[in-house]
Every structure is written in C-alpha cells, then in structure tokens.
Amino acid sequence: MSVSGGFVFWLLAALGVAALVMFFERLFELRRAQIDWQDFIKGVINVVSGGNENEALAICDDAPYPVANVAAAAIRHANGTALAMREAVDAQGRVEISRLDRRLVSLAVIGQVAPLLGLFGTILGFVKTVLLINGHEIVPRAELVESALSATLVAAAGLAVAIPSAVMYAHLRGRVDRIVADLEAAATEIVGYFSSRRART
C-alpha cells in the first residue's frame, strides 16, 4: 500500500475491527436478554398470587433479563395507583430499550461512513497519480499502476467494511425489536394482572 490514501486504509481497518467487536459484544448481550417471557411472567404471577411479593421481587432482581426488570418495577408499584404503576413500568421499559440499543448507532455510523472514507482515499490516490504525472516527463508504468491500484484498494476496503457493518446492524436491530416486543407484551401482562387484582379487592 503506497502512502496515498494509506492512512485512510488503516482507519478503515480499525473501523472494521471495531465493528466486529461491537457486533459480537452486542450479540452476546442480546442473547442473554432474550428469554421466554410468558413462562417467566407466569411464574412471577404465581408467586405473587401466593402472597409472596417479596419473593417475586427477589426472583426478578436476581434474573439478568430486561423482562425481569420491568416485572420488578410493576411489583414495586403494585400498591400505588394504576397510573403510577403504568408510568413506572413504562419508564423502566425505556431504560431497558436504551441499554439494548447501546452501540447500535455506532455500528450504523460505521456502515454509513466507511464508503465515504473509501471514496476519500480513492480521491487522494488519484490526486497523487496526477501529481506524479505532472511532476515527471516520463513516469514508469509500474509506478502508475501501483498508484491506481492503491486508490482502488482503498475504495474496496470502504465497501468491505460498510457491507458487513450494515448486515450486522440489521441483524442486531431485528433482535432488539423482538426483545422490545416481548417487553411490551410482558409489561401489558403483569400490569393487567395487578389491575384486575386491584379491581377484585
């Protein structure tokens, strides 16, 4: 790799490594966050129905799942008004969604910026080629080919980083959307349970 566009190439390489690290870190966290929310909420409701709200709260606090944190928020505000409980659950849901979305924006930005960096490196390469031609009456063909190849490789590097980053972002985005849907369903289920229990008393 010649000097022209070289720093752009290494910047793209660093962004590619960063994208891979973010993808696998987020993938691991999202897999941990995904559970069968129906079984979990059913178990929590069964414990609460037996009069053991503290035990149900302890179960939620010990479970490292977004659904568990939402259920815990509902239990903690079960004795308040229905509006206060709903607001607490909604607030906790927003916190969980923010955690799930962590670093996804960075991955999307890498996917959008990488082709532009590749184009920038290509332009630098062509500028060097033009300066090379203007500065010498006779330019060795090998040197011209090397300069043009350098510019082409930088452009290819930009696409090589951008395409996988876009695919990784789309995959993670789909997982997050599924977990968010589970969170909303779980919140509706447990809030509905406490609301119906309050109506019976």
C-alpha atoms as a PDB file:
ATOM      1  CA  MET A   1       0.000   0.000   0.000  1.00  0.00           C
ATOM      2  CA  SER A   2       1.504   3.288  -1.038  1.00  0.00           C
ATOM      3  CA  VAL A   3       1.360   6.395   1.111  1.00  0.00           C
ATOM      4  CA  SER A   4      -1.508   7.910  -0.883  1.00  0.00           C
ATOM      5  CA  GLY A   5      -4.694   7.065   0.961  1.00  0.00           C
ATOM      6  CA  GLY A   6      -2.713   4.761   3.264  1.00  0.00           C
ATOM      7  CA  PHE A   7      -3.898   6.377   6.488  1.00  0.00           C
ATOM      8  CA  VAL A   8      -7.485   6.069   5.226  1.00  0.00           C
ATOM      9  CA  PHE A   9      -6.935   2.369   4.593  1.00  0.00           C
ATOM     10  CA  TRP A  10      -5.686   1.795   8.142  1.00  0.00           C
ATOM     11  CA  LEU A  11      -8.515   3.901   9.531  1.00  0.00           C
ATOM     12  CA  LEU A  12     -10.970   1.674   7.659  1.00  0.00           C
ATOM     13  CA  ALA A  13      -9.203  -1.413   9.012  1.00  0.00           C
ATOM     14  CA  ALA A  14      -9.579  -0.056  12.563  1.00  0.00           C
ATOM     15  CA  LEU A  15     -13.265   0.687  11.973  1.00  0.00           C
ATOM     16  CA  GLY A  16     -13.760  -2.840  10.639  1.00  0.00           C
ATOM     17  CA  VAL A  17     -12.219  -4.351  13.783  1.00  0.00           C
ATOM     18  CA  ALA A  18     -14.323  -2.042  15.976  1.00  0.00           C
ATOM     19  CA  ALA A  19     -17.488  -3.078  14.122  1.00  0.00           C
ATOM     20  CA  LEU A  20     -16.717  -6.769  14.682  1.00  0.00           C
ATOM     21  CA  VAL A  21     -16.036  -6.225  18.385  1.00  0.00           C
ATOM     22  CA  MET A  22     -19.277  -4.257  18.822  1.00  0.00           C
ATOM     23  CA  PHE A  23     -21.270  -6.848  16.901  1.00  0.00           C
ATOM     24  CA  PHE A  24     -20.149  -9.850  18.955  1.00  0.00           C
ATOM     25  CA  GLU A  25     -20.422  -7.971  22.250  1.00  0.00           C
ATOM     26  CA  ARG A  26     -23.975  -6.874  21.442  1.00  0.00           C
ATOM     27  CA  LEU A  27     -24.902 -10.302  20.073  1.00  0.00           C
ATOM     28  CA  PHE A  28     -23.803 -11.944  23.321  1.00  0.00           C
ATOM     29  CA  GLU A  29     -25.733  -9.438  25.434  1.00  0.00           C
ATOM     30  CA  LEU A  30     -28.888  -9.704  23.343  1.00  0.00           C
ATOM     31  CA  ARG A  31     -28.829 -13.498  23.504  1.00  0.00           C
ATOM     32  CA  ARG A  32     -28.611 -13.240  27.282  1.00  0.00           C
ATOM     33  CA  ALA A  33     -31.510 -10.780  27.324  1.00  0.00           C
ATOM     34  CA  GLN A  34     -33.859 -12.997  25.304  1.00  0.00           C
ATOM     35  CA  ILE A  35     -35.985 -15.438  27.320  1.00  0.00           C
ATOM     36  CA  ASP A  36     -39.419 -16.998  27.194  1.00  0.00           C
ATOM     37  CA  TRP A  37     -41.185 -14.033  28.767  1.00  0.00           C
ATOM     38  CA  GLN A  38     -44.513 -15.835  29.060  1.00  0.00           C
ATOM     39  CA  ASP A  39     -43.108 -18.561  31.321  1.00  0.00           C
ATOM     40  CA  PHE A  40     -41.198 -16.010  33.381  1.00  0.00           C
ATOM     41  CA  ILE A  41     -44.167 -13.692  33.914  1.00  0.00           C
ATOM     42  CA  LYS A  42     -46.438 -16.646  34.637  1.00  0.00           C
ATOM     43  CA  GLY A  43     -44.017 -17.838  37.319  1.00  0.00           C
ATOM     44  CA  VAL A  44     -43.793 -14.372  38.866  1.00  0.00           C
ATOM     45  CA  ILE A  45     -47.585 -14.011  38.891  1.00  0.00           C
ATOM     46  CA  ASN A  46     -47.954 -17.419  40.540  1.00  0.00           C
ATOM     47  CA  VAL A  47     -45.577 -16.382  43.328  1.00  0.00           C
ATOM     48  CA  VAL A  48     -47.359 -13.035  43.783  1.00  0.00           C
ATOM     49  CA  SER A  49     -50.739 -14.809  43.832  1.00  0.00           C
ATOM     50  CA  GLY A  50     -49.472 -16.888  46.746  1.00  0.00           C
ATOM     51  CA  GLY A  51     -48.921 -13.700  48.720  1.00  0.00           C
ATOM     52  CA  ASN A  52     -45.136 -13.699  48.334  1.00  0.00           C
ATOM     53  CA  GLU A  53     -44.476 -10.365  46.651  1.00  0.00           C
ATOM     54  CA  ASN A  54     -41.054 -10.057  48.265  1.00  0.00           C
ATOM     55  CA  GLU A  55     -40.058 -13.447  46.917  1.00  0.00           C
ATOM     56  CA  ALA A  56     -41.321 -12.496  43.452  1.00  0.00           C
ATOM     57  CA  LEU A  57     -39.332  -9.272  43.647  1.00  0.00           C
ATOM     58  CA  ALA A  58     -36.205 -11.205  44.663  1.00  0.00           C
ATOM     59  CA  ILE A  59     -36.677 -13.541  41.680  1.00  0.00           C
ATOM     60  CA  CYS A  60     -36.889 -10.546  39.352  1.00  0.00           C
ATOM     61  CA  ASP A  61     -33.870  -8.839  40.907  1.00  0.00           C
ATOM     62  CA  ASP A  62     -31.765 -11.999  40.529  1.00  0.00           C
ATOM     63  CA  ALA A  63     -32.705 -12.530  36.869  1.00  0.00           C
ATOM     64  CA  PRO A  64     -30.456 -10.628  34.397  1.00  0.00           C
ATOM     65  CA  TYR A  65     -33.242 -10.010  31.881  1.00  0.00           C
ATOM     66  CA  PRO A  66     -34.969  -6.799  30.751  1.00  0.00           C
ATOM     67  CA  VAL A  67     -38.338  -8.518  31.247  1.00  0.00           C
ATOM     68  CA  ALA A  68     -37.427  -9.210  34.873  1.00  0.00           C
ATOM     69  CA  ASN A  69     -36.600  -5.546  35.492  1.00  0.00           C
ATOM     70  CA  VAL A  70     -39.934  -4.469  34.014  1.00  0.00           C
ATOM     71  CA  ALA A  71     -41.772  -7.006  36.170  1.00  0.00           C
ATOM     72  CA  ALA A  72     -39.885  -5.770  39.246  1.00  0.00           C
ATOM     73  CA  ALA A  73     -40.979  -2.199  38.523  1.00  0.00           C
ATOM     74  CA  ALA A  74     -44.621  -3.348  38.408  1.00  0.00           C
ATOM     75  CA  ILE A  75     -44.297  -5.253  41.700  1.00  0.00           C
ATOM     76  CA  ARG A  76     -42.675  -2.301  43.473  1.00  0.00           C
ATOM     77  CA  HIS A  77     -45.543  -0.009  42.461  1.00  0.00           C
ATOM     78  CA  ALA A  78     -48.340  -2.547  42.757  1.00  0.00           C
ATOM     79  CA  ASN A  79     -49.796  -0.871  45.840  1.00  0.00           C
ATOM     80  CA  GLY A  80     -49.890   2.577  44.255  1.00  0.00           C
ATOM     81  CA  THR A  81     -52.315   3.930  41.707  1.00  0.00           C
ATOM     82  CA  ALA A  82     -52.747   2.207  38.346  1.00  0.00           C
ATOM     83  CA  LEU A  83     -51.339   5.301  36.631  1.00  0.00           C
ATOM     84  CA  ALA A  84     -48.240   5.360  38.850  1.00  0.00           C
ATOM     85  CA  MET A  85     -47.598   1.678  38.194  1.00  0.00           C
ATOM     86  CA  ARG A  86     -48.008   2.101  34.445  1.00  0.00           C
ATOM     87  CA  GLU A  87     -45.659   5.101  34.404  1.00  0.00           C
ATOM     88  CA  ALA A  88     -43.054   3.200  36.446  1.00  0.00           C
ATOM     89  CA  VAL A  89     -43.243   0.230  34.081  1.00  0.00           C
ATOM     90  CA  ASP A  90     -43.010   2.489  31.028  1.00  0.00           C
ATOM     91  CA  ALA A  91     -40.001   4.327  32.498  1.00  0.00           C
ATOM     92  CA  GLN A  92     -38.218   1.054  33.227  1.00  0.00           C
ATOM     93  CA  GLY A  93     -39.048  -0.160  29.738  1.00  0.00           C
ATOM     94  CA  ARG A  94     -37.387   2.921  28.240  1.00  0.00           C
ATOM     95  CA  VAL A  95     -34.289   2.277  30.349  1.00  0.00           C
ATOM     96  CA  GLU A  96     -34.119  -1.326  29.129  1.00  0.00           C
ATOM     97  CA  ILE A  97     -34.583  -0.311  25.495  1.00  0.00           C
ATOM     98  CA  SER A  98     -31.786   2.243  25.859  1.00  0.00           C
ATOM     99  CA  ARG A  99     -29.495  -0.497  27.158  1.00  0.00           C
ATOM    100  CA  LEU A 100     -30.442  -2.803  24.309  1.00  0.00           C
ATOM    101  CA  ASP A 101     -29.735  -0.082  21.733  1.00  0.00           C
ATOM    102  CA  ARG A 102     -26.287   0.645  23.164  1.00  0.00           C
ATOM    103  CA  ARG A 103     -23.578   0.785  20.459  1.00  0.00           C
ATOM    104  CA  LEU A 104     -26.038   0.018  17.650  1.00  0.00           C
ATOM    105  CA  VAL A 105     -25.886   3.624  16.491  1.00  0.00           C
ATOM    106  CA  SER A 106     -22.087   3.410  16.341  1.00  0.00           C
ATOM    107  CA  LEU A 107     -22.328   0.286  14.190  1.00  0.00           C
ATOM    108  CA  ALA A 108     -24.776   2.016  11.844  1.00  0.00           C
ATOM    109  CA  VAL A 109     -22.489   5.071  11.592  1.00  0.00           C
ATOM    110  CA  ILE A 110     -19.537   2.862  10.618  1.00  0.00           C
ATOM    111  CA  GLY A 111     -21.650   1.304   7.880  1.00  0.00           C
ATOM    112  CA  GLN A 112     -22.562   4.742   6.522  1.00  0.00           C
ATOM    113  CA  VAL A 113     -19.161   6.418   6.868  1.00  0.00           C
ATOM    114  CA  ALA A 114     -16.929   3.607   5.557  1.00  0.00           C
ATOM    115  CA  PRO A 115     -17.871   4.029   1.851  1.00  0.00           C
ATOM    116  CA  LEU A 116     -17.295   7.789   2.122  1.00  0.00           C
ATOM    117  CA  LEU A 117     -13.874   7.204   3.648  1.00  0.00           C
ATOM    118  CA  GLY A 118     -13.137   4.756   0.846  1.00  0.00           C
ATOM    119  CA  LEU A 119     -14.114   7.401  -1.705  1.00  0.00           C
ATOM    120  CA  PHE A 120     -11.964   9.960   0.088  1.00  0.00           C
ATOM    121  CA  GLY A 121      -8.969   7.603  -0.023  1.00  0.00           C
ATOM    122  CA  THR A 122      -9.602   6.954  -3.706  1.00  0.00           C
ATOM    123  CA  ILE A 123      -9.593  10.676  -4.467  1.00  0.00           C
ATOM    124  CA  LEU A 124      -6.323  11.068  -2.584  1.00  0.00           C
ATOM    125  CA  GLY A 125      -4.857   8.241  -4.632  1.00  0.00           C
ATOM    126  CA  PHE A 126      -5.906   9.782  -7.928  1.00  0.00           C
ATOM    127  CA  VAL A 127      -4.597  13.187  -6.851  1.00  0.00           C
ATOM    128  CA  LYS A 128      -1.233  11.585  -6.133  1.00  0.00           C
ATOM    129  CA  THR A 129      -1.303   9.914  -9.555  1.00  0.00           C
ATOM    130  CA  VAL A 130      -1.990  13.238 -11.296  1.00  0.00           C
ATOM    131  CA  LEU A 131       0.789  14.967  -9.335  1.00  0.00           C
ATOM    132  CA  LEU A 132       3.098  12.120 -10.227  1.00  0.00           C
ATOM    133  CA  ILE A 133       2.372  12.513 -13.931  1.00  0.00           C
ATOM    134  CA  ASN A 134       2.704  16.312 -13.819  1.00  0.00           C
ATOM    135  CA  GLY A 135       5.967  16.161 -11.917  1.00  0.00           C
ATOM    136  CA  HIS A 136       7.800  13.842 -14.319  1.00  0.00           C
ATOM    137  CA  GLU A 137       8.198  13.816 -18.048  1.00  0.00           C
ATOM    138  CA  ILE A 138       8.370  10.027 -18.030  1.00  0.00           C
ATOM    139  CA  VAL A 139       6.618   8.026 -15.348  1.00  0.00           C
ATOM    140  CA  PRO A 140       7.363   4.304 -15.039  1.00  0.00           C
ATOM    141  CA  ARG A 141       4.258   2.262 -15.816  1.00  0.00           C
ATOM    142  CA  ALA A 142       4.732   0.173 -12.674  1.00  0.00           C
ATOM    143  CA  GLU A 143       4.564   3.300 -10.519  1.00  0.00           C
ATOM    144  CA  LEU A 144       1.375   4.465 -12.224  1.00  0.00           C
ATOM    145  CA  VAL A 145      -0.216   1.025 -11.810  1.00  0.00           C
ATOM    146  CA  GLU A 146       0.772   0.936  -8.148  1.00  0.00           C
ATOM    147  CA  SER A 147      -0.766   4.359  -7.512  1.00  0.00           C
ATOM    148  CA  ALA A 148      -4.022   3.462  -9.292  1.00  0.00           C
ATOM    149  CA  LEU A 149      -4.178   0.102  -7.507  1.00  0.00           C
ATOM    150  CA  SER A 150      -3.692   1.843  -4.175  1.00  0.00           C
ATOM    151  CA  ALA A 151      -6.680   4.101  -4.844  1.00  0.00           C
ATOM    152  CA  THR A 152      -8.817   1.137  -5.918  1.00  0.00           C
ATOM    153  CA  LEU A 153      -7.911  -0.897  -2.837  1.00  0.00           C
ATOM    154  CA  VAL A 154      -8.941   1.922  -0.512  1.00  0.00           C
ATOM    155  CA  ALA A 155     -12.343   2.128  -2.208  1.00  0.00           C
ATOM    156  CA  ALA A 156     -12.720  -1.655  -1.942  1.00  0.00           C
ATOM    157  CA  ALA A 157     -11.752  -1.500   1.737  1.00  0.00           C
ATOM    158  CA  GLY A 158     -14.529   1.021   2.342  1.00  0.00           C
ATOM    159  CA  LEU A 159     -17.100  -1.328   0.842  1.00  0.00           C
ATOM    160  CA  ALA A 160     -15.573  -4.328   2.638  1.00  0.00           C
ATOM    161  CA  VAL A 161     -16.208  -2.556   5.945  1.00  0.00           C
ATOM    162  CA  ALA A 162     -19.552  -0.969   5.076  1.00  0.00           C
ATOM    163  CA  ILE A 163     -21.393  -4.030   3.750  1.00  0.00           C
ATOM    164  CA  PRO A 164     -20.751  -6.367   6.733  1.00  0.00           C
ATOM    165  CA  SER A 165     -21.425  -3.486   9.147  1.00  0.00           C
ATOM    166  CA  ALA A 166     -24.821  -2.886   7.534  1.00  0.00           C
ATOM    167  CA  VAL A 167     -25.645  -6.602   7.703  1.00  0.00           C
ATOM    168  CA  MET A 168     -24.540  -6.844  11.347  1.00  0.00           C
ATOM    169  CA  TYR A 169     -26.588  -3.779  12.265  1.00  0.00           C
ATOM    170  CA  ALA A 170     -29.688  -5.183  10.573  1.00  0.00           C
ATOM    171  CA  HIS A 171     -29.284  -8.496  12.410  1.00  0.00           C
ATOM    172  CA  LEU A 172     -28.888  -6.814  15.801  1.00  0.00           C
ATOM    173  CA  ARG A 173     -31.727  -4.392  15.065  1.00  0.00           C
ATOM    174  CA  GLY A 174     -34.038  -7.332  14.397  1.00  0.00           C
ATOM    175  CA  ARG A 175     -33.063  -8.975  17.694  1.00  0.00           C
ATOM    176  CA  VAL A 176     -33.615  -5.746  19.616  1.00  0.00           C
ATOM    177  CA  ASP A 177     -37.032  -5.259  18.014  1.00  0.00           C
ATOM    178  CA  ARG A 178     -38.081  -8.769  19.057  1.00  0.00           C
ATOM    179  CA  ILE A 179     -36.951  -8.193  22.643  1.00  0.00           C
ATOM    180  CA  VAL A 180     -38.764  -4.834  22.742  1.00  0.00           C
ATOM    181  CA  ALA A 181     -41.947  -6.553  21.545  1.00  0.00           C
ATOM    182  CA  ASP A 182     -41.526  -9.116  24.344  1.00  0.00           C
ATOM    183  CA  LEU A 183     -41.012  -6.304  26.856  1.00  0.00           C
ATOM    184  CA  GLU A 184     -44.210  -4.580  25.784  1.00  0.00           C
ATOM    185  CA  ALA A 185     -46.183  -7.825  25.950  1.00  0.00           C
ATOM    186  CA  ALA A 186     -44.745  -8.694  29.380  1.00  0.00           C
ATOM    187  CA  ALA A 187     -45.496  -5.195  30.704  1.00  0.00           C
ATOM    188  CA  THR A 188     -49.090  -5.427  29.483  1.00  0.00           C
ATOM    189  CA  GLU A 189     -49.465  -8.866  31.069  1.00  0.00           C
ATOM    190  CA  ILE A 190     -48.197  -8.010  34.538  1.00  0.00           C
ATOM    191  CA  VAL A 191     -49.865  -4.590  34.680  1.00  0.00           C
ATOM    192  CA  GLY A 192     -53.116  -6.228  33.624  1.00  0.00           C
ATOM    193  CA  TYR A 193     -52.752  -8.787  36.416  1.00  0.00           C
ATOM    194  CA  PHE A 194     -52.245  -6.169  39.117  1.00  0.00           C
ATOM    195  CA  SER A 195     -55.046  -4.014  37.700  1.00  0.00           C
ATOM    196  CA  SER A 196     -57.503  -6.927  37.759  1.00  0.00           C
ATOM    197  CA  ARG A 197     -56.398  -7.879  41.274  1.00  0.00           C
ATOM    198  CA  ARG A 198     -56.989  -4.314  42.442  1.00  0.00           C
ATOM    199  CA  ALA A 199     -60.458  -4.363  40.845  1.00  0.00           C
ATOM    200  CA  ARG A 200     -61.361  -7.533  42.737  1.00  0.00           C
ATOM    201  CA  THR A 201     -60.435  -6.077  46.122  1.00  0.00           C
END
